[in-house]
Amino acid sequence: MNTASITFEYSNNHKAAVVAKMLEVDNKIAPKKLKIETVNRGKMVITRAEHKRLGTLFATVDDLIFTERLISSLIEVKVQ
């Protein structure tokens, strides 16, 4: 099984909590064979993913980064 872990760090706990919650919503529509979980730890948001196919894992990480950037840019004005 292939695994990946990616950590994002934010300027404050509130922003991290908002991003984590929104990423976890996105995780819920992931394919059933893809194990993915996002947690919030203070100013950090940590996502762990696991899948047997490396290509699927790379695509998941790419999607995660894209989604995080989109979420961060949308909430930047509201949460500082």
N, C-alpha and C. Protein backbone atom coordinates (compact mmCIF):
# COMPACT_ATOMS: atom_id res chain seq x y z
N MET A 1 0.85 -1.18 0.00
CA MET A 1 0.00 0.00 0.00
C MET A 1 0.90 1.24 0.00
N ASN A 2 0.56 2.22 -0.82
CA ASN A 2 1.28 3.48 -0.90
C ASN A 2 0.59 4.52 -0.02
N THR A 3 1.38 5.31 0.68
CA THR A 3 0.81 6.34 1.55
C THR A 3 1.46 7.69 1.29
N ALA A 4 0.72 8.73 1.58
CA ALA A 4 1.22 10.10 1.47
C ALA A 4 0.66 10.91 2.62
N SER A 5 1.45 11.85 3.07
CA SER A 5 1.01 12.77 4.11
C SER A 5 1.44 14.17 3.69
N ILE A 6 0.52 15.10 3.78
CA ILE A 6 0.83 16.48 3.43
C ILE A 6 0.33 17.38 4.55
N THR A 7 1.15 18.35 4.92
CA THR A 7 0.83 19.25 6.02
C THR A 7 0.84 20.69 5.51
N PHE A 8 -0.22 21.40 5.82
CA PHE A 8 -0.32 22.83 5.52
C PHE A 8 -0.28 23.57 6.85
N GLU A 9 0.42 24.70 6.88
CA GLU A 9 0.49 25.52 8.10
C GLU A 9 -0.09 26.89 7.81
N TYR A 10 -0.89 27.40 8.77
CA TYR A 10 -1.59 28.67 8.60
C TYR A 10 -1.18 29.67 9.67
N SER A 11 -1.57 30.90 9.46
CA SER A 11 -1.20 31.97 10.38
C SER A 11 -1.94 31.91 11.71
N ASN A 12 -3.09 31.25 11.73
CA ASN A 12 -3.84 31.14 12.99
C ASN A 12 -4.66 29.85 13.01
N ASN A 13 -5.07 29.48 14.21
CA ASN A 13 -5.83 28.24 14.42
C ASN A 13 -7.18 28.26 13.72
N HIS A 14 -7.83 29.41 13.71
CA HIS A 14 -9.16 29.50 13.11
C HIS A 14 -9.12 29.21 11.62
N LYS A 15 -8.19 29.81 10.92
CA LYS A 15 -8.07 29.57 9.48
C LYS A 15 -7.77 28.10 9.21
N ALA A 16 -6.90 27.51 9.99
CA ALA A 16 -6.57 26.09 9.82
C ALA A 16 -7.81 25.22 10.03
N ALA A 17 -8.61 25.55 11.03
CA ALA A 17 -9.82 24.77 11.31
C ALA A 17 -10.82 24.86 10.16
N VAL A 18 -10.96 26.04 9.58
CA VAL A 18 -11.88 26.23 8.45
C VAL A 18 -11.41 25.42 7.25
N VAL A 19 -10.13 25.50 6.94
CA VAL A 19 -9.58 24.76 5.79
C VAL A 19 -9.73 23.25 6.02
N ALA A 20 -9.42 22.77 7.20
CA ALA A 20 -9.53 21.34 7.49
C ALA A 20 -10.96 20.86 7.30
N LYS A 21 -11.90 21.63 7.80
CA LYS A 21 -13.31 21.23 7.68
C LYS A 21 -13.73 21.16 6.21
N MET A 22 -13.31 22.13 5.43
CA MET A 22 -13.69 22.14 4.02
C MET A 22 -12.98 21.03 3.24
N LEU A 23 -11.74 20.74 3.56
CA LEU A 23 -11.04 19.64 2.90
C LEU A 23 -11.68 18.30 3.25
N GLU A 24 -12.10 18.15 4.48
CA GLU A 24 -12.72 16.89 4.89
C GLU A 24 -14.04 16.67 4.15
N VAL A 25 -14.76 17.73 3.87
CA VAL A 25 -15.99 17.61 3.06
C VAL A 25 -15.63 17.07 1.68
N ASP A 26 -14.58 17.61 1.07
CA ASP A 26 -14.12 17.15 -0.24
C ASP A 26 -13.67 15.69 -0.19
N ASN A 27 -13.06 15.28 0.90
CA ASN A 27 -12.61 13.89 1.06
C ASN A 27 -13.76 12.90 1.00
N LYS A 28 -14.93 13.32 1.43
CA LYS A 28 -16.08 12.41 1.51
C LYS A 28 -16.54 11.90 0.15
N ILE A 29 -16.18 12.61 -0.93
CA ILE A 29 -16.58 12.17 -2.26
C ILE A 29 -15.48 11.37 -2.94
N ALA A 30 -14.43 11.04 -2.22
CA ALA A 30 -13.32 10.26 -2.77
C ALA A 30 -13.77 8.83 -3.05
N PRO A 31 -13.13 8.17 -4.01
CA PRO A 31 -13.46 6.77 -4.28
C PRO A 31 -13.32 5.90 -3.03
N LYS A 32 -14.12 4.87 -2.92
CA LYS A 32 -14.14 4.03 -1.72
C LYS A 32 -12.80 3.35 -1.43
N LYS A 33 -12.03 3.01 -2.45
CA LYS A 33 -10.76 2.31 -2.24
C LYS A 33 -9.63 3.26 -1.84
N LEU A 34 -9.90 4.54 -1.88
CA LEU A 34 -8.92 5.54 -1.47
C LEU A 34 -9.20 5.90 -0.02
N LYS A 35 -8.24 5.63 0.85
CA LYS A 35 -8.38 6.01 2.25
C LYS A 35 -7.75 7.40 2.42
N ILE A 36 -8.56 8.36 2.86
CA ILE A 36 -8.06 9.73 3.01
C ILE A 36 -8.72 10.36 4.23
N GLU A 37 -7.91 11.07 5.00
CA GLU A 37 -8.40 11.72 6.22
C GLU A 37 -7.65 13.03 6.42
N THR A 38 -8.39 14.06 6.79
CA THR A 38 -7.80 15.36 7.09
C THR A 38 -8.11 15.72 8.53
N VAL A 39 -7.08 16.15 9.27
CA VAL A 39 -7.26 16.56 10.67
C VAL A 39 -6.63 17.93 10.89
N ASN A 40 -7.13 18.61 11.89
CA ASN A 40 -6.63 19.92 12.27
C ASN A 40 -5.88 19.80 13.59
N ARG A 41 -4.67 20.30 13.63
CA ARG A 41 -3.85 20.31 14.85
C ARG A 41 -3.30 21.72 15.05
N GLY A 42 -4.09 22.55 15.72
CA GLY A 42 -3.66 23.94 15.95
C GLY A 42 -3.61 24.70 14.63
N LYS A 43 -2.43 25.19 14.28
CA LYS A 43 -2.26 25.93 13.02
C LYS A 43 -1.96 25.01 11.84
N MET A 44 -1.94 23.72 12.08
CA MET A 44 -1.60 22.75 11.04
C MET A 44 -2.83 21.99 10.57
N VAL A 45 -2.85 21.69 9.28
CA VAL A 45 -3.85 20.82 8.68
C VAL A 45 -3.07 19.67 8.04
N ILE A 46 -3.38 18.46 8.46
CA ILE A 46 -2.63 17.28 8.00
C ILE A 46 -3.60 16.35 7.28
N THR A 47 -3.23 15.98 6.07
CA THR A 47 -4.02 15.02 5.31
C THR A 47 -3.16 13.80 5.04
N ARG A 48 -3.73 12.63 5.32
CA ARG A 48 -3.06 11.36 5.03
C ARG A 48 -3.92 10.60 4.04
N ALA A 49 -3.25 10.06 3.01
CA ALA A 49 -3.97 9.29 1.98
C ALA A 49 -3.26 7.97 1.77
N GLU A 50 -4.05 6.96 1.39
CA GLU A 50 -3.50 5.63 1.18
C GLU A 50 -4.25 4.96 0.02
N HIS A 51 -3.48 4.39 -0.91
CA HIS A 51 -4.08 3.68 -2.03
C HIS A 51 -3.04 2.72 -2.60
N LYS A 52 -3.50 1.64 -3.20
CA LYS A 52 -2.57 0.65 -3.73
C LYS A 52 -1.88 1.13 -5.02
N ARG A 53 -2.55 2.00 -5.77
CA ARG A 53 -1.95 2.51 -7.01
C ARG A 53 -1.27 3.86 -6.78
N LEU A 54 0.01 3.93 -7.12
CA LEU A 54 0.77 5.15 -6.93
C LEU A 54 0.22 6.31 -7.76
N GLY A 55 -0.24 6.02 -8.97
CA GLY A 55 -0.82 7.06 -9.82
C GLY A 55 -2.04 7.70 -9.19
N THR A 56 -2.87 6.89 -8.58
CA THR A 56 -4.05 7.41 -7.89
C THR A 56 -3.65 8.28 -6.72
N LEU A 57 -2.62 7.86 -6.01
CA LEU A 57 -2.13 8.64 -4.87
C LEU A 57 -1.57 9.99 -5.33
N PHE A 58 -0.79 9.99 -6.42
CA PHE A 58 -0.26 11.25 -6.95
C PHE A 58 -1.39 12.18 -7.38
N ALA A 59 -2.40 11.63 -8.05
CA ALA A 59 -3.54 12.45 -8.48
C ALA A 59 -4.28 13.02 -7.28
N THR A 60 -4.38 12.24 -6.23
CA THR A 60 -5.06 12.68 -5.01
C THR A 60 -4.30 13.84 -4.36
N VAL A 61 -2.98 13.72 -4.27
CA VAL A 61 -2.16 14.80 -3.69
C VAL A 61 -2.28 16.06 -4.55
N ASP A 62 -2.24 15.91 -5.86
CA ASP A 62 -2.39 17.05 -6.76
C ASP A 62 -3.74 17.73 -6.54
N ASP A 63 -4.79 16.95 -6.45
CA ASP A 63 -6.13 17.49 -6.21
C ASP A 63 -6.21 18.17 -4.84
N LEU A 64 -5.59 17.58 -3.85
CA LEU A 64 -5.58 18.15 -2.51
C LEU A 64 -4.92 19.53 -2.50
N ILE A 65 -3.78 19.64 -3.15
CA ILE A 65 -3.07 20.93 -3.20
C ILE A 65 -3.90 21.97 -3.94
N PHE A 66 -4.48 21.59 -5.06
CA PHE A 66 -5.33 22.51 -5.81
C PHE A 66 -6.50 22.99 -4.96
N THR A 67 -7.17 22.05 -4.30
CA THR A 67 -8.34 22.38 -3.48
C THR A 67 -7.96 23.26 -2.30
N GLU A 68 -6.83 22.97 -1.66
CA GLU A 68 -6.37 23.79 -0.53
C GLU A 68 -6.10 25.21 -0.99
N ARG A 69 -5.46 25.37 -2.12
CA ARG A 69 -5.16 26.73 -2.63
C ARG A 69 -6.45 27.49 -2.92
N LEU A 70 -7.42 26.79 -3.50
CA LEU A 70 -8.70 27.42 -3.79
C LEU A 70 -9.41 27.84 -2.50
N ILE A 71 -9.48 26.94 -1.55
CA ILE A 71 -10.13 27.24 -0.27
C ILE A 71 -9.42 28.41 0.42
N SER A 72 -8.11 28.36 0.49
CA SER A 72 -7.34 29.42 1.15
C SER A 72 -7.57 30.77 0.50
N SER A 73 -7.61 30.79 -0.82
CA SER A 73 -7.81 32.07 -1.51
C SER A 73 -9.22 32.61 -1.28
N LEU A 74 -10.19 31.72 -1.16
CA LEU A 74 -11.58 32.16 -0.95
C LEU A 74 -11.82 32.67 0.47
N ILE A 75 -11.14 32.11 1.44
CA ILE A 75 -11.38 32.53 2.84
C ILE A 75 -10.39 33.58 3.30
N GLU A 76 -9.41 33.91 2.51
CA GLU A 76 -8.37 34.87 2.92
C GLU A 76 -8.97 36.20 3.35
N VAL A 77 -9.97 36.68 2.67
CA VAL A 77 -10.58 37.97 2.99
C VAL A 77 -11.35 37.88 4.30
N LYS A 78 -11.99 36.74 4.56
CA LYS A 78 -12.83 36.58 5.76
C LYS A 78 -12.03 36.23 7.01
N VAL A 79 -11.00 35.39 6.87
CA VAL A 79 -10.27 34.88 8.03
C VAL A 79 -8.83 35.34 7.96
N GLN A 80 -8.43 36.13 8.93
CA GLN A 80 -7.03 36.59 8.95
C GLN A 80 -6.45 36.53 10.32
